[in-house]
């Protein structure tokens, strides 16, 4: 199946924040419940050890996603790290709540951050968790090129896949979101209306989830992105990691300066 770059609602500037925030809160809860961060942490740990970097600059953070759990998993790997959460449409309230419960290991950059133009003051290992599929190949290359130009390591992890099992599983999102809605934090009472009275949010979550699968990059496609990067000063690694006994894989891309 060829990659299709259809539109995701949460990417649109006009999309209501109250709906977008529900979707990102749902993804953060899903990350906590599935334990996916534990399968991402070892690869990220190897990159951090190789570069000596101990600060993560997370791009496209949404509602924080797996970042807090990844930071905890890195601690179990023997790495004390901190993380800065950034987003083009930062949900300061949600991200702030995550940071407040992190014991100082996670903080929020409150100004909007374009993943292709990361401010110089945000130095550290750039990460994208379940986010690189949001970008067309040209824009994904710009993100990678920006890391190369800034001499900052970068890591991208994605659970989305173009396989039938992932796409079929997304269809259960209507039921799963309806079950999860009361447990999302920080809670917004309007989510109840747009879930149980006018089911806009469950339908949005299913649409964006299905499109994420269609947009997902395969390992050969990530290799092609890397091959188009200007300069040979970086080392790259791509691959997939099985999600334990769960169906599916996490696809990853790691990049670091060759001198690291």
C-alpha atoms as a PDB file:
ATOM      1  CA  UNK A   1       0.000   0.000   0.000  1.00  0.00           C
ATOM      2  CA  UNK A   2       1.467   3.345  -1.058  1.00  0.00           C
ATOM      3  CA  UNK A   3       1.736   6.165   1.454  1.00  0.00           C
ATOM      4  CA  UNK A   4      -1.212   8.589   1.288  1.00  0.00           C
ATOM      5  CA  UNK A   5      -0.821  12.020   2.822  1.00  0.00           C
ATOM      6  CA  UNK A   6      -4.461  12.800   3.596  1.00  0.00           C
ATOM      7  CA  UNK A   7      -5.273  15.580   6.046  1.00  0.00           C
ATOM      8  CA  UNK A   8      -5.523  15.102   9.805  1.00  0.00           C
ATOM      9  CA  UNK A   9      -7.941  17.400  11.576  1.00  0.00           C
ATOM     10  CA  UNK A  10      -5.625  18.156  14.488  1.00  0.00           C
ATOM     11  CA  UNK A  11      -3.051  19.601  12.069  1.00  0.00           C
ATOM     12  CA  UNK A  12      -5.434  22.285  10.841  1.00  0.00           C
ATOM     13  CA  UNK A  13      -5.029  25.780  12.372  1.00  0.00           C
ATOM     14  CA  UNK A  14      -8.808  26.268  12.300  1.00  0.00           C
ATOM     15  CA  UNK A  15      -9.568  23.069  14.228  1.00  0.00           C
ATOM     16  CA  UNK A  16     -11.105  23.914  17.659  1.00  0.00           C
ATOM     17  CA  UNK A  17      -8.598  23.588  20.481  1.00  0.00           C
ATOM     18  CA  UNK A  18     -11.166  21.935  22.766  1.00  0.00           C
ATOM     19  CA  UNK A  19     -11.408  19.021  20.303  1.00  0.00           C
ATOM     20  CA  UNK A  20      -7.673  18.846  19.567  1.00  0.00           C
ATOM     21  CA  UNK A  21      -6.883  18.796  23.287  1.00  0.00           C
ATOM     22  CA  UNK A  22      -9.225  15.852  23.812  1.00  0.00           C
ATOM     23  CA  UNK A  23      -7.438  13.904  21.103  1.00  0.00           C
ATOM     24  CA  UNK A  24      -3.968  14.559  22.474  1.00  0.00           C
ATOM     25  CA  UNK A  25      -5.101  13.754  26.030  1.00  0.00           C
ATOM     26  CA  UNK A  26      -6.448  10.451  24.731  1.00  0.00           C
ATOM     27  CA  UNK A  27      -3.118   9.647  23.067  1.00  0.00           C
ATOM     28  CA  UNK A  28      -1.258  10.360  26.302  1.00  0.00           C
ATOM     29  CA  UNK A  29      -3.570   8.032  28.244  1.00  0.00           C
ATOM     30  CA  UNK A  30      -3.137   5.370  25.566  1.00  0.00           C
ATOM     31  CA  UNK A  31       0.647   5.646  25.837  1.00  0.00           C
ATOM     32  CA  UNK A  32       0.455   5.134  29.598  1.00  0.00           C
ATOM     33  CA  UNK A  33      -1.891   2.151  29.352  1.00  0.00           C
ATOM     34  CA  UNK A  34      -0.148   0.296  26.528  1.00  0.00           C
ATOM     35  CA  UNK A  35       3.385   0.654  27.865  1.00  0.00           C
ATOM     36  CA  UNK A  36       4.716   1.563  24.420  1.00  0.00           C
ATOM     37  CA  UNK A  37       7.320   4.003  25.827  1.00  0.00           C
ATOM     38  CA  UNK A  38       9.239   1.076  27.308  1.00  0.00           C
ATOM     39  CA  UNK A  39       9.930  -0.183  23.785  1.00  0.00           C
ATOM     40  CA  UNK A  40      11.126   3.235  22.604  1.00  0.00           C
ATOM     41  CA  UNK A  41      13.432   4.015  25.518  1.00  0.00           C
ATOM     42  CA  UNK A  42      16.288   1.538  24.798  1.00  0.00           C
ATOM     43  CA  UNK A  43      16.951   2.924  21.321  1.00  0.00           C
ATOM     44  CA  UNK A  44      16.777   6.493  22.602  1.00  0.00           C
ATOM     45  CA  UNK A  45      19.079   5.552  25.476  1.00  0.00           C
ATOM     46  CA  UNK A  46      21.693   4.254  23.026  1.00  0.00           C
ATOM     47  CA  UNK A  47      21.571   7.559  21.146  1.00  0.00           C
ATOM     48  CA  UNK A  48      21.893   9.623  24.317  1.00  0.00           C
ATOM     49  CA  UNK A  49      24.827   7.557  25.548  1.00  0.00           C
ATOM     50  CA  UNK A  50      26.605   7.860  22.204  1.00  0.00           C
ATOM     51  CA  UNK A  51      26.233  11.649  22.151  1.00  0.00           C
ATOM     52  CA  UNK A  52      26.495  12.428  25.860  1.00  0.00           C
ATOM     53  CA  UNK A  53      23.300  14.500  25.610  1.00  0.00           C
ATOM     54  CA  UNK A  54      20.968  14.391  28.581  1.00  0.00           C
ATOM     55  CA  UNK A  55      18.254  16.846  27.543  1.00  0.00           C
ATOM     56  CA  UNK A  56      15.385  15.938  25.239  1.00  0.00           C
ATOM     57  CA  UNK A  57      13.712  18.632  23.155  1.00  0.00           C
ATOM     58  CA  UNK A  58      10.428  17.049  22.159  1.00  0.00           C
ATOM     59  CA  UNK A  59       8.793  18.390  19.003  1.00  0.00           C
ATOM     60  CA  UNK A  60       5.060  18.137  18.260  1.00  0.00           C
ATOM     61  CA  UNK A  61       4.401  17.144  21.870  1.00  0.00           C
ATOM     62  CA  UNK A  62       0.593  17.335  21.678  1.00  0.00           C
ATOM     63  CA  UNK A  63      -0.609  16.450  25.182  1.00  0.00           C
ATOM     64  CA  UNK A  64       2.904  15.229  26.129  1.00  0.00           C
ATOM     65  CA  UNK A  65       2.258  11.759  24.698  1.00  0.00           C
ATOM     66  CA  UNK A  66       4.786   9.185  25.885  1.00  0.00           C
ATOM     67  CA  UNK A  67       7.473  11.686  26.920  1.00  0.00           C
ATOM     68  CA  UNK A  68       6.986  11.492  30.735  1.00  0.00           C
ATOM     69  CA  UNK A  69       6.935   7.694  30.587  1.00  0.00           C
ATOM     70  CA  UNK A  70       9.997   7.667  28.322  1.00  0.00           C
ATOM     71  CA  UNK A  71      11.896   9.858  30.803  1.00  0.00           C
ATOM     72  CA  UNK A  72      11.011   7.386  33.562  1.00  0.00           C
ATOM     73  CA  UNK A  73      12.028   4.449  31.380  1.00  0.00           C
ATOM     74  CA  UNK A  74      15.364   6.131  30.684  1.00  0.00           C
ATOM     75  CA  UNK A  75      15.920   6.351  34.435  1.00  0.00           C
ATOM     76  CA  UNK A  76      15.524   2.583  34.599  1.00  0.00           C
ATOM     77  CA  UNK A  77      18.179   2.444  31.855  1.00  0.00           C
ATOM     78  CA  UNK A  78      20.500   4.394  34.169  1.00  0.00           C
ATOM     79  CA  UNK A  79      20.082   7.746  32.407  1.00  0.00           C
ATOM     80  CA  UNK A  80      18.923  10.843  34.273  1.00  0.00           C
ATOM     81  CA  UNK A  81      17.404  13.067  31.608  1.00  0.00           C
ATOM     82  CA  UNK A  82      15.221  16.163  31.354  1.00  0.00           C
ATOM     83  CA  UNK A  83      12.728  17.005  28.639  1.00  0.00           C
ATOM     84  CA  UNK A  84      11.341  20.199  27.130  1.00  0.00           C
ATOM     85  CA  UNK A  85       7.885  19.881  25.573  1.00  0.00           C
ATOM     86  CA  UNK A  86       7.168  21.970  22.475  1.00  0.00           C
ATOM     87  CA  UNK A  87       4.380  22.176  19.927  1.00  0.00           C
ATOM     88  CA  UNK A  88       3.120  24.322  17.086  1.00  0.00           C
ATOM     89  CA  UNK A  89      -0.169  24.635  18.989  1.00  0.00           C
ATOM     90  CA  UNK A  90       0.969  24.250  22.613  1.00  0.00           C
ATOM     91  CA  UNK A  91      -1.732  23.268  25.079  1.00  0.00           C
ATOM     92  CA  UNK A  92      -0.073  25.053  27.969  1.00  0.00           C
ATOM     93  CA  UNK A  93      -2.608  23.865  30.535  1.00  0.00           C
ATOM     94  CA  UNK A  94      -2.289  20.178  29.678  1.00  0.00           C
ATOM     95  CA  UNK A  95       1.465  20.247  29.174  1.00  0.00           C
ATOM     96  CA  UNK A  96       1.875  22.300  32.325  1.00  0.00           C
ATOM     97  CA  UNK A  97      -0.034  19.704  34.346  1.00  0.00           C
ATOM     98  CA  UNK A  98       2.299  16.999  33.063  1.00  0.00           C
ATOM     99  CA  UNK A  99       5.356  19.097  33.872  1.00  0.00           C
ATOM    100  CA  UNK A 100       4.055  19.865  37.367  1.00  0.00           C
ATOM    101  CA  UNK A 101       3.889  16.163  38.171  1.00  0.00           C
ATOM    102  CA  UNK A 102       7.291  15.306  36.761  1.00  0.00           C
ATOM    103  CA  UNK A 103       9.461  16.293  39.713  1.00  0.00           C
ATOM    104  CA  UNK A 104      11.245  18.894  37.619  1.00  0.00           C
ATOM    105  CA  UNK A 105      12.324  16.472  34.900  1.00  0.00           C
ATOM    106  CA  UNK A 106       9.859  17.850  32.325  1.00  0.00           C
ATOM    107  CA  UNK A 107       9.160  21.479  31.485  1.00  0.00           C
ATOM    108  CA  UNK A 108       7.131  23.313  28.865  1.00  0.00           C
ATOM    109  CA  UNK A 109       8.229  25.784  26.197  1.00  0.00           C
ATOM    110  CA  UNK A 110       5.092  27.902  26.044  1.00  0.00           C
ATOM    111  CA  UNK A 111       5.760  29.669  22.728  1.00  0.00           C
ATOM    112  CA  UNK A 112       4.814  27.892  19.484  1.00  0.00           C
ATOM    113  CA  UNK A 113       7.693  25.935  17.932  1.00  0.00           C
ATOM    114  CA  UNK A 114       7.946  24.991  14.268  1.00  0.00           C
ATOM    115  CA  UNK A 115       9.674  21.596  14.083  1.00  0.00           C
ATOM    116  CA  UNK A 116      11.631  22.774  11.035  1.00  0.00           C
ATOM    117  CA  UNK A 117      12.862  25.920  12.824  1.00  0.00           C
ATOM    118  CA  UNK A 118      13.731  25.020  16.392  1.00  0.00           C
ATOM    119  CA  UNK A 119      15.041  28.036  18.346  1.00  0.00           C
ATOM    120  CA  UNK A 120      18.781  27.972  19.042  1.00  0.00           C
ATOM    121  CA  UNK A 121      18.228  28.086  22.793  1.00  0.00           C
ATOM    122  CA  UNK A 122      16.461  24.708  22.654  1.00  0.00           C
ATOM    123  CA  UNK A 123      19.564  22.567  22.426  1.00  0.00           C
ATOM    124  CA  UNK A 124      19.379  18.850  23.084  1.00  0.00           C
ATOM    125  CA  UNK A 125      18.308  15.621  21.458  1.00  0.00           C
ATOM    126  CA  UNK A 126      15.294  16.392  19.292  1.00  0.00           C
ATOM    127  CA  UNK A 127      12.544  13.800  19.466  1.00  0.00           C
ATOM    128  CA  UNK A 128       9.312  13.164  17.608  1.00  0.00           C
ATOM    129  CA  UNK A 129       6.998  10.607  19.151  1.00  0.00           C
ATOM    130  CA  UNK A 130       4.204   9.472  16.816  1.00  0.00           C
ATOM    131  CA  UNK A 131       4.629  12.707  14.897  1.00  0.00           C
ATOM    132  CA  UNK A 132       6.877  12.347  11.868  1.00  0.00           C
ATOM    133  CA  UNK A 133       4.011  10.924   9.810  1.00  0.00           C
ATOM    134  CA  UNK A 134       2.298  14.319  10.101  1.00  0.00           C
ATOM    135  CA  UNK A 135       4.846  15.721   7.658  1.00  0.00           C
ATOM    136  CA  UNK A 136       5.144  15.262   3.926  1.00  0.00           C
ATOM    137  CA  UNK A 137       8.537  13.882   2.828  1.00  0.00           C
ATOM    138  CA  UNK A 138       9.877  17.330   1.919  1.00  0.00           C
ATOM    139  CA  UNK A 139       8.935  18.747   5.323  1.00  0.00           C
ATOM    140  CA  UNK A 140      10.211  15.667   7.180  1.00  0.00           C
ATOM    141  CA  UNK A 141      13.538  16.161   5.403  1.00  0.00           C
ATOM    142  CA  UNK A 142      13.555  19.801   6.520  1.00  0.00           C
ATOM    143  CA  UNK A 143      13.165  18.643  10.135  1.00  0.00           C
ATOM    144  CA  UNK A 144      16.067  16.229   9.765  1.00  0.00           C
ATOM    145  CA  UNK A 145      18.172  18.767   7.898  1.00  0.00           C
ATOM    146  CA  UNK A 146      17.568  21.358  10.616  1.00  0.00           C
ATOM    147  CA  UNK A 147      18.942  18.916  13.211  1.00  0.00           C
ATOM    148  CA  UNK A 148      21.986  18.263  11.033  1.00  0.00           C
ATOM    149  CA  UNK A 149      22.601  21.984  10.534  1.00  0.00           C
ATOM    150  CA  UNK A 150      22.313  22.574  14.286  1.00  0.00           C
ATOM    151  CA  UNK A 151      24.517  19.538  15.047  1.00  0.00           C
ATOM    152  CA  UNK A 152      21.832  18.162  17.384  1.00  0.00           C
ATOM    153  CA  UNK A 153      20.956  14.456  17.578  1.00  0.00           C
ATOM    154  CA  UNK A 154      17.433  13.518  16.552  1.00  0.00           C
ATOM    155  CA  UNK A 155      15.160  10.528  17.116  1.00  0.00           C
ATOM    156  CA  UNK A 156      11.740   9.769  15.654  1.00  0.00           C
ATOM    157  CA  UNK A 157       9.463   6.951  16.826  1.00  0.00           C
ATOM    158  CA  UNK A 158       6.104   6.008  15.332  1.00  0.00           C
ATOM    159  CA  UNK A 159       3.531   3.398  16.311  1.00  0.00           C
ATOM    160  CA  UNK A 160       1.367   4.047  13.242  1.00  0.00           C
ATOM    161  CA  UNK A 161       1.679   1.463  10.479  1.00  0.00           C
ATOM    162  CA  UNK A 162       0.132   1.007   7.054  1.00  0.00           C
ATOM    163  CA  UNK A 163      -0.689  -2.618   7.812  1.00  0.00           C
ATOM    164  CA  UNK A 164      -4.286  -3.897   7.909  1.00  0.00           C
ATOM    165  CA  UNK A 165      -4.168  -4.803  11.610  1.00  0.00           C
ATOM    166  CA  UNK A 166      -3.372  -1.229  12.635  1.00  0.00           C
ATOM    167  CA  UNK A 167      -5.997   0.276  10.336  1.00  0.00           C
ATOM    168  CA  UNK A 168      -8.712  -2.175  11.429  1.00  0.00           C
ATOM    169  CA  UNK A 169      -7.852  -1.603  15.086  1.00  0.00           C
ATOM    170  CA  UNK A 170      -8.358   2.135  14.693  1.00  0.00           C
ATOM    171  CA  UNK A 171     -12.046   1.526  13.916  1.00  0.00           C
ATOM    172  CA  UNK A 172     -12.574   0.549  17.565  1.00  0.00           C
ATOM    173  CA  UNK A 173     -11.530   4.084  18.532  1.00  0.00           C
ATOM    174  CA  UNK A 174     -15.144   5.253  18.851  1.00  0.00           C
ATOM    175  CA  UNK A 175     -15.797   2.747  21.629  1.00  0.00           C
ATOM    176  CA  UNK A 176     -12.393   3.157  23.248  1.00  0.00           C
ATOM    177  CA  UNK A 177     -12.647   6.933  23.396  1.00  0.00           C
ATOM    178  CA  UNK A 178     -16.147   6.731  24.873  1.00  0.00           C
ATOM    179  CA  UNK A 179     -14.757   4.496  27.615  1.00  0.00           C
ATOM    180  CA  UNK A 180     -11.678   6.633  28.186  1.00  0.00           C
ATOM    181  CA  UNK A 181     -13.232  10.092  28.108  1.00  0.00           C
ATOM    182  CA  UNK A 182     -14.011  10.435  31.868  1.00  0.00           C
ATOM    183  CA  UNK A 183     -10.406   9.507  32.696  1.00  0.00           C
ATOM    184  CA  UNK A 184      -8.647  12.063  30.482  1.00  0.00           C
ATOM    185  CA  UNK A 185      -6.658  14.734  32.299  1.00  0.00           C
ATOM    186  CA  UNK A 186      -6.781  17.667  32.758  1.00  0.00           C
ATOM    187  CA  UNK A 187     -10.516  17.166  32.256  1.00  0.00           C
ATOM    188  CA  UNK A 188     -12.784  19.488  30.281  1.00  0.00           C
ATOM    189  CA  UNK A 189     -16.529  19.022  30.832  1.00  0.00           C
ATOM    190  CA  UNK A 190     -17.209  20.003  27.211  1.00  0.00           C
ATOM    191  CA  UNK A 191     -15.656  16.715  26.149  1.00  0.00           C
ATOM    192  CA  UNK A 192     -18.687  14.920  27.601  1.00  0.00           C
ATOM    193  CA  UNK A 193     -21.009  16.843  25.299  1.00  0.00           C
ATOM    194  CA  UNK A 194     -18.860  16.236  22.228  1.00  0.00           C
ATOM    195  CA  UNK A 195     -18.504  12.545  23.081  1.00  0.00           C
ATOM    196  CA  UNK A 196     -21.877  11.333  24.354  1.00  0.00           C
ATOM    197  CA  UNK A 197     -24.340  13.907  22.984  1.00  0.00           C
ATOM    198  CA  UNK A 198     -22.742  15.019  19.726  1.00  0.00           C
ATOM    199  CA  UNK A 199     -20.046  12.375  19.092  1.00  0.00           C
ATOM    200  CA  UNK A 200     -17.666  14.675  17.258  1.00  0.00           C
ATOM    201  CA  UNK A 201     -14.533  13.775  19.226  1.00  0.00           C
ATOM    202  CA  UNK A 202     -14.701   9.964  18.793  1.00  0.00           C
ATOM    203  CA  UNK A 203     -15.208  10.416  15.052  1.00  0.00           C
ATOM    204  CA  UNK A 204     -12.302  12.878  14.883  1.00  0.00           C
ATOM    205  CA  UNK A 205     -10.053  10.454  16.797  1.00  0.00           C
ATOM    206  CA  UNK A 206     -10.930   7.591  14.438  1.00  0.00           C
ATOM    207  CA  UNK A 207     -10.409   9.721  11.317  1.00  0.00           C
ATOM    208  CA  UNK A 208      -7.045  11.051  12.461  1.00  0.00           C
ATOM    209  CA  UNK A 209      -5.943   7.619  13.640  1.00  0.00           C
ATOM    210  CA  UNK A 210      -6.863   6.007  10.321  1.00  0.00           C
ATOM    211  CA  UNK A 211      -5.113   8.761   8.364  1.00  0.00           C
ATOM    212  CA  UNK A 212      -2.045   8.376  10.606  1.00  0.00           C
ATOM    213  CA  UNK A 213      -1.796   4.778   9.451  1.00  0.00           C
ATOM    214  CA  UNK A 214      -2.065   5.777   5.804  1.00  0.00           C
ATOM    215  CA  UNK A 215       0.591   8.461   6.338  1.00  0.00           C
ATOM    216  CA  UNK A 216       3.029   6.236   8.239  1.00  0.00           C
ATOM    217  CA  UNK A 217       6.564   5.887   6.887  1.00  0.00           C
ATOM    218  CA  UNK A 218       8.137   2.489   6.341  1.00  0.00           C
ATOM    219  CA  UNK A 219      11.810   1.838   7.081  1.00  0.00           C
ATOM    220  CA  UNK A 220      12.785   2.051   3.374  1.00  0.00           C
ATOM    221  CA  UNK A 221      10.935   5.364   3.127  1.00  0.00           C
ATOM    222  CA  UNK A 222      12.811   6.708   6.152  1.00  0.00           C
ATOM    223  CA  UNK A 223      16.051   5.570   4.520  1.00  0.00           C
ATOM    224  CA  UNK A 224      15.061   7.551   1.440  1.00  0.00           C
ATOM    225  CA  UNK A 225      14.458  10.653   3.565  1.00  0.00           C
ATOM    226  CA  UNK A 226      17.908  10.314   5.101  1.00  0.00           C
ATOM    227  CA  UNK A 227      19.534   9.780   1.710  1.00  0.00           C
ATOM    228  CA  UNK A 228      18.265  13.193   0.628  1.00  0.00           C
ATOM    229  CA  UNK A 229      19.848  15.026   3.572  1.00  0.00           C
ATOM    230  CA  UNK A 230      22.567  17.490   2.603  1.00  0.00           C
ATOM    231  CA  UNK A 231      25.902  16.631   4.184  1.00  0.00           C
ATOM    232  CA  UNK A 232      27.606  13.450   5.391  1.00  0.00           C
ATOM    233  CA  UNK A 233      28.360  14.615   8.938  1.00  0.00           C
ATOM    234  CA  UNK A 234      25.642  12.448  10.504  1.00  0.00           C
ATOM    235  CA  UNK A 235      25.216   8.750  11.149  1.00  0.00           C
ATOM    236  CA  UNK A 236      21.711   7.322  10.735  1.00  0.00           C
ATOM    237  CA  UNK A 237      19.941   4.217  11.940  1.00  0.00           C
ATOM    238  CA  UNK A 238      16.443   3.067  11.062  1.00  0.00           C
ATOM    239  CA  UNK A 239      14.483  -0.022  11.986  1.00  0.00           C
ATOM    240  CA  UNK A 240      11.515  -1.525  13.794  1.00  0.00           C
ATOM    241  CA  UNK A 241      11.049  -2.901  17.296  1.00  0.00           C
ATOM    242  CA  UNK A 242       8.319  -5.411  18.169  1.00  0.00           C
ATOM    243  CA  UNK A 243       5.909  -4.195  20.824  1.00  0.00           C
ATOM    244  CA  UNK A 244       6.397  -7.214  23.033  1.00  0.00           C
ATOM    245  CA  UNK A 245       3.351  -9.473  22.918  1.00  0.00           C
ATOM    246  CA  UNK A 246       1.178  -6.684  21.579  1.00  0.00           C
ATOM    247  CA  UNK A 247       0.426  -6.527  17.858  1.00  0.00           C
ATOM    248  CA  UNK A 248       2.449  -4.029  15.893  1.00  0.00           C
ATOM    249  CA  UNK A 249       5.865  -2.411  15.952  1.00  0.00           C
ATOM    250  CA  UNK A 250       7.473   0.926  16.656  1.00  0.00           C
ATOM    251  CA  UNK A 251       9.342   2.265  13.648  1.00  0.00           C
ATOM    252  CA  UNK A 252      12.344   4.410  14.523  1.00  0.00           C
ATOM    253  CA  UNK A 253      14.927   6.736  13.014  1.00  0.00           C
ATOM    254  CA  UNK A 254      18.042   7.865  14.901  1.00  0.00           C
ATOM    255  CA  UNK A 255      20.566  10.455  13.770  1.00  0.00           C
ATOM    256  CA  UNK A 256      23.720  11.790  15.411  1.00  0.00           C
ATOM    257  CA  UNK A 257      26.883  13.681  14.479  1.00  0.00           C
ATOM    258  CA  UNK A 258      29.636  11.312  13.409  1.00  0.00           C
ATOM    259  CA  UNK A 259      32.005  12.927  15.903  1.00  0.00           C
ATOM    260  CA  UNK A 260      29.694  11.925  18.785  1.00  0.00           C
END
